[in-house]
PDB file of N, CA and C in Angstrom:
ATOM      1  N   MET A   1     -31.405  -1.431  93.051  1.00  0.00           N
ATOM      2  CA  MET A   1     -31.492  -0.085  92.546  1.00  0.00           C
ATOM      3  C   MET A   1     -32.124  -0.155  91.161  1.00  0.00           C
ATOM      4  N   LEU A   2     -33.060   0.690  90.910  1.00  0.00           N
ATOM      5  CA  LEU A   2     -33.727   0.768  89.619  1.00  0.00           C
ATOM      6  C   LEU A   2     -33.119   1.922  88.835  1.00  0.00           C
ATOM      7  N   VAL A   3     -32.672   1.647  87.601  1.00  0.00           N
ATOM      8  CA  VAL A   3     -32.100   2.689  86.757  1.00  0.00           C
ATOM      9  C   VAL A   3     -32.868   2.728  85.443  1.00  0.00           C
ATOM     10  N   SER A   4     -32.862   3.883  84.811  1.00  0.00           N
ATOM     11  CA  SER A   4     -33.549   4.054  83.534  1.00  0.00           C
ATOM     12  C   SER A   4     -32.566   3.878  82.381  1.00  0.00           C
ATOM     13  N   VAL A   5     -33.069   3.346  81.289  1.00  0.00           N
ATOM     14  CA  VAL A   5     -32.292   3.250  80.060  1.00  0.00           C
ATOM     15  C   VAL A   5     -32.534   4.545  79.294  1.00  0.00           C
ATOM     16  N   VAL A   6     -31.438   5.206  78.890  1.00  0.00           N
ATOM     17  CA  VAL A   6     -31.550   6.504  78.229  1.00  0.00           C
ATOM     18  C   VAL A   6     -30.925   6.437  76.837  1.00  0.00           C
ATOM     19  N   PRO A   7     -31.454   7.209  75.880  1.00  0.00           N
ATOM     20  CA  PRO A   7     -30.848   7.217  74.550  1.00  0.00           C
ATOM     21  C   PRO A   7     -29.510   7.948  74.552  1.00  0.00           C
ATOM     22  N   ILE A   8     -28.542   7.375  73.826  1.00  0.00           N
ATOM     23  CA  ILE A   8     -27.228   7.990  73.634  1.00  0.00           C
ATOM     24  C   ILE A   8     -26.903   7.822  72.157  1.00  0.00           C
ATOM     25  N   GLY A   9     -27.203   8.822  71.350  1.00  0.00           N
ATOM     26  CA  GLY A   9     -27.007   8.707  69.901  1.00  0.00           C
ATOM     27  C   GLY A   9     -27.880   7.604  69.353  1.00  0.00           C
ATOM     28  N   ASN A  10     -27.269   6.660  68.615  1.00  0.00           N
ATOM     29  CA  ASN A  10     -28.012   5.519  68.073  1.00  0.00           C
ATOM     30  C   ASN A  10     -28.079   4.355  69.055  1.00  0.00           C
ATOM     31  N   SER A  11     -27.481   4.514  70.228  1.00  0.00           N
ATOM     32  CA  SER A  11     -27.444   3.449  71.229  1.00  0.00           C
ATOM     33  C   SER A  11     -28.281   3.841  72.429  1.00  0.00           C
ATOM     34  N   LYS A  12     -28.205   3.037  73.453  1.00  0.00           N
ATOM     35  CA  LYS A  12     -28.853   3.339  74.731  1.00  0.00           C
ATOM     36  C   LYS A  12     -27.872   3.030  75.840  1.00  0.00           C
ATOM     37  N   GLY A  13     -28.067   3.651  76.988  1.00  0.00           N
ATOM     38  CA  GLY A  13     -27.173   3.438  78.112  1.00  0.00           C
ATOM     39  C   GLY A  13     -27.888   3.621  79.426  1.00  0.00           C
ATOM     40  N   ILE A  14     -27.143   3.472  80.499  1.00  0.00           N
ATOM     41  CA  ILE A  14     -27.675   3.715  81.836  1.00  0.00           C
ATOM     42  C   ILE A  14     -26.791   4.734  82.527  1.00  0.00           C
ATOM     43  N   ARG A  15     -27.351   5.438  83.475  1.00  0.00           N
ATOM     44  CA  ARG A  15     -26.578   6.390  84.279  1.00  0.00           C
ATOM     45  C   ARG A  15     -26.197   5.706  85.585  1.00  0.00           C
ATOM     46  N   ILE A  16     -24.926   5.807  85.924  1.00  0.00           N
ATOM     47  CA  ILE A  16     -24.428   5.243  87.174  1.00  0.00           C
ATOM     48  C   ILE A  16     -24.261   6.392  88.157  1.00  0.00           C
ATOM     49  N   PRO A  17     -24.886   6.298  89.331  1.00  0.00           N
ATOM     50  CA  PRO A  17     -24.781   7.386  90.303  1.00  0.00           C
ATOM     51  C   PRO A  17     -23.328   7.685  90.687  1.00  0.00           C
ATOM     52  N   LYS A  18     -23.057   8.959  90.944  1.00  0.00           N
ATOM     53  CA  LYS A  18     -21.704   9.408  91.268  1.00  0.00           C
ATOM     54  C   LYS A  18     -21.146   8.692  92.497  1.00  0.00           C
ATOM     55  N   SER A  19     -21.992   8.387  93.470  1.00  0.00           N
ATOM     56  CA  SER A  19     -21.518   7.707  94.677  1.00  0.00           C
ATOM     57  C   SER A  19     -20.950   6.322  94.346  1.00  0.00           C
ATOM     58  N   ILE A  20     -21.552   5.642  93.374  1.00  0.00           N
ATOM     59  CA  ILE A  20     -21.043   4.327  92.960  1.00  0.00           C
ATOM     60  C   ILE A  20     -19.755   4.497  92.161  1.00  0.00           C
ATOM     61  N   ILE A  21     -19.715   5.510  91.281  1.00  0.00           N
ATOM     62  CA  ILE A  21     -18.500   5.807  90.516  1.00  0.00           C
ATOM     63  C   ILE A  21     -17.330   6.026  91.471  1.00  0.00           C
ATOM     64  N   ASN A  22     -17.549   6.819  92.499  1.00  0.00           N
ATOM     65  CA  ASN A  22     -16.493   7.117  93.474  1.00  0.00           C
ATOM     66  C   ASN A  22     -16.116   5.899  94.303  1.00  0.00           C
ATOM     67  N   GLU A  23     -17.114   5.135  94.740  1.00  0.00           N
ATOM     68  CA  GLU A  23     -16.863   3.979  95.597  1.00  0.00           C
ATOM     69  C   GLU A  23     -15.986   2.933  94.909  1.00  0.00           C
ATOM     70  N   PHE A  24     -16.189   2.744  93.597  1.00  0.00           N
ATOM     71  CA  PHE A  24     -15.445   1.718  92.874  1.00  0.00           C
ATOM     72  C   PHE A  24     -14.304   2.281  92.035  1.00  0.00           C
ATOM     73  N   ASN A  25     -14.019   3.574  92.207  1.00  0.00           N
ATOM     74  CA  ASN A  25     -12.924   4.230  91.472  1.00  0.00           C
ATOM     75  C   ASN A  25     -13.026   3.998  89.964  1.00  0.00           C
ATOM     76  N   ILE A  26     -14.219   4.149  89.426  1.00  0.00           N
ATOM     77  CA  ILE A  26     -14.439   3.966  87.996  1.00  0.00           C
ATOM     78  C   ILE A  26     -13.959   5.219  87.286  1.00  0.00           C
ATOM     79  N   GLU A  27     -13.116   5.026  86.263  1.00  0.00           N
ATOM     80  CA  GLU A  27     -12.593   6.168  85.523  1.00  0.00           C
ATOM     81  C   GLU A  27     -13.308   6.326  84.190  1.00  0.00           C
ATOM     82  N   ASP A  28     -12.932   5.552  83.187  1.00  0.00           N
ATOM     83  CA  ASP A  28     -13.568   5.742  81.885  1.00  0.00           C
ATOM     84  C   ASP A  28     -14.055   4.451  81.240  1.00  0.00           C
ATOM     85  N   LYS A  29     -13.769   3.298  81.833  1.00  0.00           N
ATOM     86  CA  LYS A  29     -14.198   2.033  81.259  1.00  0.00           C
ATOM     87  C   LYS A  29     -14.639   1.070  82.347  1.00  0.00           C
ATOM     88  N   LEU A  30     -15.545   0.156  81.971  1.00  0.00           N
ATOM     89  CA  LEU A  30     -15.986  -0.930  82.828  1.00  0.00           C
ATOM     90  C   LEU A  30     -15.890  -2.221  82.037  1.00  0.00           C
ATOM     91  N   GLU A  31     -15.738  -3.333  82.722  1.00  0.00           N
ATOM     92  CA  GLU A  31     -15.804  -4.632  82.069  1.00  0.00           C
ATOM     93  C   GLU A  31     -17.255  -5.079  82.107  1.00  0.00           C
ATOM     94  N   LEU A  32     -17.790  -5.476  80.958  1.00  0.00           N
ATOM     95  CA  LEU A  32     -19.166  -5.941  80.866  1.00  0.00           C
ATOM     96  C   LEU A  32     -19.160  -7.432  80.595  1.00  0.00           C
ATOM     97  N   GLN A  33     -19.864  -8.190  81.426  1.00  0.00           N
ATOM     98  CA  GLN A  33     -19.962  -9.640  81.253  1.00  0.00           C
ATOM     99  C   GLN A  33     -21.425 -10.033  81.173  1.00  0.00           C
ATOM    100  N   ILE A  34     -21.710 -11.039  80.378  1.00  0.00           N
ATOM    101  CA  ILE A  34     -23.048 -11.617  80.309  1.00  0.00           C
ATOM    102  C   ILE A  34     -22.940 -13.003  80.932  1.00  0.00           C
ATOM    103  N   HIS A  35     -23.719 -13.256  81.963  1.00  0.00           N
ATOM    104  CA  HIS A  35     -23.692 -14.545  82.651  1.00  0.00           C
ATOM    105  C   HIS A  35     -25.132 -14.987  82.862  1.00  0.00           C
ATOM    106  N   ASN A  36     -25.487 -16.108  82.214  1.00  0.00           N
ATOM    107  CA  ASN A  36     -26.880 -16.571  82.227  1.00  0.00           C
ATOM    108  C   ASN A  36     -27.782 -15.436  81.743  1.00  0.00           C
ATOM    109  N   ASP A  37     -28.671 -14.973  82.553  1.00  0.00           N
ATOM    110  CA  ASP A  37     -29.586 -13.888  82.175  1.00  0.00           C
ATOM    111  C   ASP A  37     -29.226 -12.586  82.879  1.00  0.00           C
ATOM    112  N   GLU A  38     -27.951 -12.397  83.209  1.00  0.00           N
ATOM    113  CA  GLU A  38     -27.525 -11.214  83.954  1.00  0.00           C
ATOM    114  C   GLU A  38     -26.485 -10.424  83.178  1.00  0.00           C
ATOM    115  N   ILE A  39     -26.533  -9.124  83.336  1.00  0.00           N
ATOM    116  CA  ILE A  39     -25.488  -8.237  82.822  1.00  0.00           C
ATOM    117  C   ILE A  39     -24.672  -7.808  84.030  1.00  0.00           C
ATOM    118  N   ILE A  40     -23.379  -8.064  83.998  1.00  0.00           N
ATOM    119  CA  ILE A  40     -22.508  -7.756  85.130  1.00  0.00           C
ATOM    120  C   ILE A  40     -21.518  -6.680  84.694  1.00  0.00           C
ATOM    121  N   LEU A  41     -21.450  -5.589  85.442  1.00  0.00           N
ATOM    122  CA  LEU A  41     -20.485  -4.523  85.209  1.00  0.00           C
ATOM    123  C   LEU A  41     -19.432  -4.595  86.304  1.00  0.00           C
ATOM    124  N   LYS A  42     -18.162  -4.637  85.899  1.00  0.00           N
ATOM    125  CA  LYS A  42     -17.072  -4.702  86.880  1.00  0.00           C
ATOM    126  C   LYS A  42     -16.082  -3.581  86.601  1.00  0.00           C
ATOM    127  N   PRO A  43     -15.610  -2.917  87.662  1.00  0.00           N
ATOM    128  CA  PRO A  43     -14.575  -1.907  87.459  1.00  0.00           C
ATOM    129  C   PRO A  43     -13.283  -2.581  87.019  1.00  0.00           C
ATOM    130  N   ILE A  44     -12.518  -1.881  86.195  1.00  0.00           N
ATOM    131  CA  ILE A  44     -11.227  -2.401  85.746  1.00  0.00           C
ATOM    132  C   ILE A  44     -10.190  -1.987  86.769  1.00  0.00           C
ATOM    133  N   VAL A  45      -9.582  -2.977  87.412  1.00  0.00           N
ATOM    134  CA  VAL A  45      -8.619  -2.682  88.473  1.00  0.00           C
ATOM    135  C   VAL A  45      -7.194  -3.053  88.080  1.00  0.00           C
ATOM    136  N   LYS A  46      -7.015  -3.471  86.826  1.00  0.00           N
ATOM    137  CA  LYS A  46      -5.677  -3.836  86.388  1.00  0.00           C
ATOM    138  C   LYS A  46      -4.810  -2.596  86.242  1.00  0.00           C
ATOM    139  N   LYS A  47      -3.561  -2.771  86.586  1.00  0.00           N
ATOM    140  CA  LYS A  47      -2.576  -1.716  86.410  1.00  0.00           C
ATOM    141  C   LYS A  47      -1.843  -1.970  85.096  1.00  0.00           C
ATOM    142  N   PRO A  48      -1.306  -0.940  84.482  1.00  0.00           N
ATOM    143  CA  PRO A  48      -0.526  -1.173  83.264  1.00  0.00           C
ATOM    144  C   PRO A  48       0.581  -2.189  83.512  1.00  0.00           C
ATOM    145  N   ARG A  49       0.767  -3.082  82.572  1.00  0.00           N
ATOM    146  CA  ARG A  49       1.803  -4.125  82.598  1.00  0.00           C
ATOM    147  C   ARG A  49       1.550  -5.195  83.666  1.00  0.00           C
ATOM    148  N   GLN A  50       0.355  -5.202  84.261  1.00  0.00           N
ATOM    149  CA  GLN A  50       0.056  -6.221  85.257  1.00  0.00           C
ATOM    150  C   GLN A  50       0.036  -7.591  84.576  1.00  0.00           C
ATOM    151  N   GLY A  51       0.750  -8.551  85.130  1.00  0.00           N
ATOM    152  CA  GLY A  51       0.809  -9.891  84.585  1.00  0.00           C
ATOM    153  C   GLY A  51       1.940 -10.112  83.599  1.00  0.00           C
ATOM    154  N   TRP A  52       2.659  -9.046  83.240  1.00  0.00           N
ATOM    155  CA  TRP A  52       3.752  -9.186  82.272  1.00  0.00           C
ATOM    156  C   TRP A  52       4.854 -10.095  82.806  1.00  0.00           C
ATOM    157  N   GLU A  53       5.194  -9.958  84.080  1.00  0.00           N
ATOM    158  CA  GLU A  53       6.296 -10.757  84.637  1.00  0.00           C
ATOM    159  C   GLU A  53       5.999 -12.248  84.510  1.00  0.00           C
ATOM    160  N   ASP A  54       4.788 -12.655  84.853  1.00  0.00           N
ATOM    161  CA  ASP A  54       4.418 -14.062  84.738  1.00  0.00           C
ATOM    162  C   ASP A  54       4.430 -14.516  83.279  1.00  0.00           C
ATOM    163  N   ALA A  55       3.965 -13.650  82.388  1.00  0.00           N
ATOM    164  CA  ALA A  55       3.956 -13.989  80.961  1.00  0.00           C
ATOM    165  C   ALA A  55       5.375 -14.169  80.438  1.00  0.00           C
ATOM    166  N   PHE A  56       6.289 -13.295  80.856  1.00  0.00           N
ATOM    167  CA  PHE A  56       7.678 -13.407  80.417  1.00  0.00           C
ATOM    168  C   PHE A  56       8.326 -14.681  80.962  1.00  0.00           C
ATOM    169  N   LYS A  57       8.023 -15.032  82.198  1.00  0.00           N
ATOM    170  CA  LYS A  57       8.564 -16.270  82.767  1.00  0.00           C
ATOM    171  C   LYS A  57       8.053 -17.482  81.997  1.00  0.00           C
ATOM    172  N   LYS A  58       6.774 -17.455  81.637  1.00  0.00           N
ATOM    173  CA  LYS A  58       6.191 -18.559  80.873  1.00  0.00           C
ATOM    174  C   LYS A  58       6.831 -18.640  79.487  1.00  0.00           C
ATOM    175  N   MET A  59       7.052 -17.486  78.848  1.00  0.00           N
ATOM    176  CA  MET A  59       7.716 -17.469  77.546  1.00  0.00           C
ATOM    177  C   MET A  59       9.116 -18.070  77.650  1.00  0.00           C
ATOM    178  N   HIS A  60       9.851 -17.699  78.685  1.00  0.00           N
ATOM    179  CA  HIS A  60      11.213 -18.213  78.868  1.00  0.00           C
ATOM    180  C   HIS A  60      11.191 -19.727  79.085  1.00  0.00           C
ATOM    181  N   LYS A  61      10.267 -20.181  79.902  1.00  0.00           N
ATOM    182  CA  LYS A  61      10.155 -21.610  80.181  1.00  0.00           C
ATOM    183  C   LYS A  61       9.871 -22.398  78.898  1.00  0.00           C
ATOM    184  N   ASN A  62       9.074 -21.803  77.986  1.00  0.00           N
ATOM    185  CA  ASN A  62       8.731 -22.459  76.719  1.00  0.00           C
ATOM    186  C   ASN A  62       9.722 -22.141  75.605  1.00  0.00           C
ATOM    187  N   SER A  63      10.836 -21.490  75.954  1.00  0.00           N
ATOM    188  CA  SER A  63      11.851 -21.062  74.975  1.00  0.00           C
ATOM    189  C   SER A  63      11.235 -20.237  73.849  1.00  0.00           C
ATOM    190  N   ASP A  64      10.284 -19.403  74.219  1.00  0.00           N
ATOM    191  CA  ASP A  64       9.591 -18.558  73.240  1.00  0.00           C
ATOM    192  C   ASP A  64      10.013 -17.098  73.403  1.00  0.00           C
ATOM    193  N   ASP A  65      11.216 -16.880  73.945  1.00  0.00           N
ATOM    194  CA  ASP A  65      11.660 -15.512  74.194  1.00  0.00           C
ATOM    195  C   ASP A  65      12.924 -15.164  73.411  1.00  0.00           C
ATOM    196  N   ILE A  66      13.056 -15.736  72.223  1.00  0.00           N
ATOM    197  CA  ILE A  66      14.224 -15.429  71.402  1.00  0.00           C
ATOM    198  C   ILE A  66      14.069 -14.036  70.786  1.00  0.00           C
ATOM    199  N   LEU A  67      15.202 -13.390  70.534  1.00  0.00           N
ATOM    200  CA  LEU A  67      15.165 -12.056  69.942  1.00  0.00           C
ATOM    201  C   LEU A  67      14.800 -12.149  68.468  1.00  0.00           C
ATOM    202  N   LEU A  68      13.900 -11.291  68.031  1.00  0.00           N
ATOM    203  CA  LEU A  68      13.529 -11.251  66.623  1.00  0.00           C
ATOM    204  C   LEU A  68      14.465 -10.332  65.840  1.00  0.00           C
ATOM    205  N   LEU A  69      15.068  -9.386  66.528  1.00  0.00           N
ATOM    206  CA  LEU A  69      16.037  -8.470  65.934  1.00  0.00           C
ATOM    207  C   LEU A  69      17.322  -8.575  66.737  1.00  0.00           C
ATOM    208  N   PRO A  70      18.458  -8.280  66.122  1.00  0.00           N
ATOM    209  CA  PRO A  70      19.718  -8.351  66.882  1.00  0.00           C
ATOM    210  C   PRO A  70      19.700  -7.383  68.060  1.00  0.00           C
ATOM    211  N   ASP A  71      20.440  -7.759  69.080  1.00  0.00           N
ATOM    212  CA  ASP A  71      20.500  -6.957  70.301  1.00  0.00           C
ATOM    213  C   ASP A  71      21.225  -5.635  70.082  1.00  0.00           C
ATOM    214  N   SER A  72      22.086  -5.583  69.098  1.00  0.00           N
ATOM    215  CA  SER A  72      22.802  -4.350  68.804  1.00  0.00           C
ATOM    216  C   SER A  72      22.928  -4.197  67.293  1.00  0.00           C
ATOM    217  N   ILE A  73      23.260  -3.015  66.866  1.00  0.00           N
ATOM    218  CA  ILE A  73      23.437  -2.739  65.452  1.00  0.00           C
ATOM    219  C   ILE A  73      24.930  -2.734  65.154  1.00  0.00           C
ATOM    220  N   GLU A  74      25.327  -3.488  64.179  1.00  0.00           N
ATOM    221  CA  GLU A  74      26.737  -3.521  63.778  1.00  0.00           C
ATOM    222  C   GLU A  74      27.083  -2.183  63.134  1.00  0.00           C
ATOM    223  N   ASN A  75      28.227  -1.663  63.484  1.00  0.00           N
ATOM    224  CA  ASN A  75      28.667  -0.381  62.926  1.00  0.00           C
ATOM    225  C   ASN A  75      29.820  -0.646  61.965  1.00  0.00           C
ATOM    226  N   ASP A  76      29.474  -0.987  60.717  1.00  0.00           N
ATOM    227  CA  ASP A  76      30.492  -1.321  59.719  1.00  0.00           C
ATOM    228  C   ASP A  76      30.895  -0.141  58.849  1.00  0.00           C
ATOM    229  N   PHE A  77      30.434   1.024  59.137  1.00  0.00           N
ATOM    230  CA  PHE A  77      30.790   2.159  58.303  1.00  0.00           C
ATOM    231  C   PHE A  77      31.214   3.327  59.191  1.00  0.00           C
ATOM    232  N   ASN A  78      31.902   4.266  58.598  1.00  0.00           N
ATOM    233  CA  ASN A  78      32.406   5.418  59.351  1.00  0.00           C
ATOM    234  C   ASN A  78      31.364   6.535  59.333  1.00  0.00           C
ATOM    235  N   TRP A  79      31.104   7.064  60.478  1.00  0.00           N
ATOM    236  CA  TRP A  79      30.189   8.195  60.584  1.00  0.00           C
ATOM    237  C   TRP A  79      30.971   9.469  60.300  1.00  0.00           C
ATOM    238  N   GLU A  80      30.375  10.368  59.596  1.00  0.00           N
ATOM    239  CA  GLU A  80      30.991  11.671  59.388  1.00  0.00           C
ATOM    240  C   GLU A  80      30.211  12.709  60.197  1.00  0.00           C
ATOM    241  N   TRP A  81      30.931  13.450  61.011  1.00  0.00           N
ATOM    242  CA  TRP A  81      30.279  14.440  61.872  1.00  0.00           C
ATOM    243  C   TRP A  81      30.535  15.817  61.384  1.00  0.00           C
TER     244      TRP A  81
END
């Protein structure tokens, strides 16, 4: 597919046909990679918090999951309501 480079403010861009946008469920961002002499655009398919579980397991295995703040707040004074 041949696409034109168009001016966008001080930059330039390309227009992606709507059929491709729909086919790849592209919302507002793409991943851009440079590989050899190629520009590769990939849709972002990650979900929020994807990979967190594995990261937390790795932190626990490395004993890097200690609390930086106490788990609870000590209540050493009387509240007045």
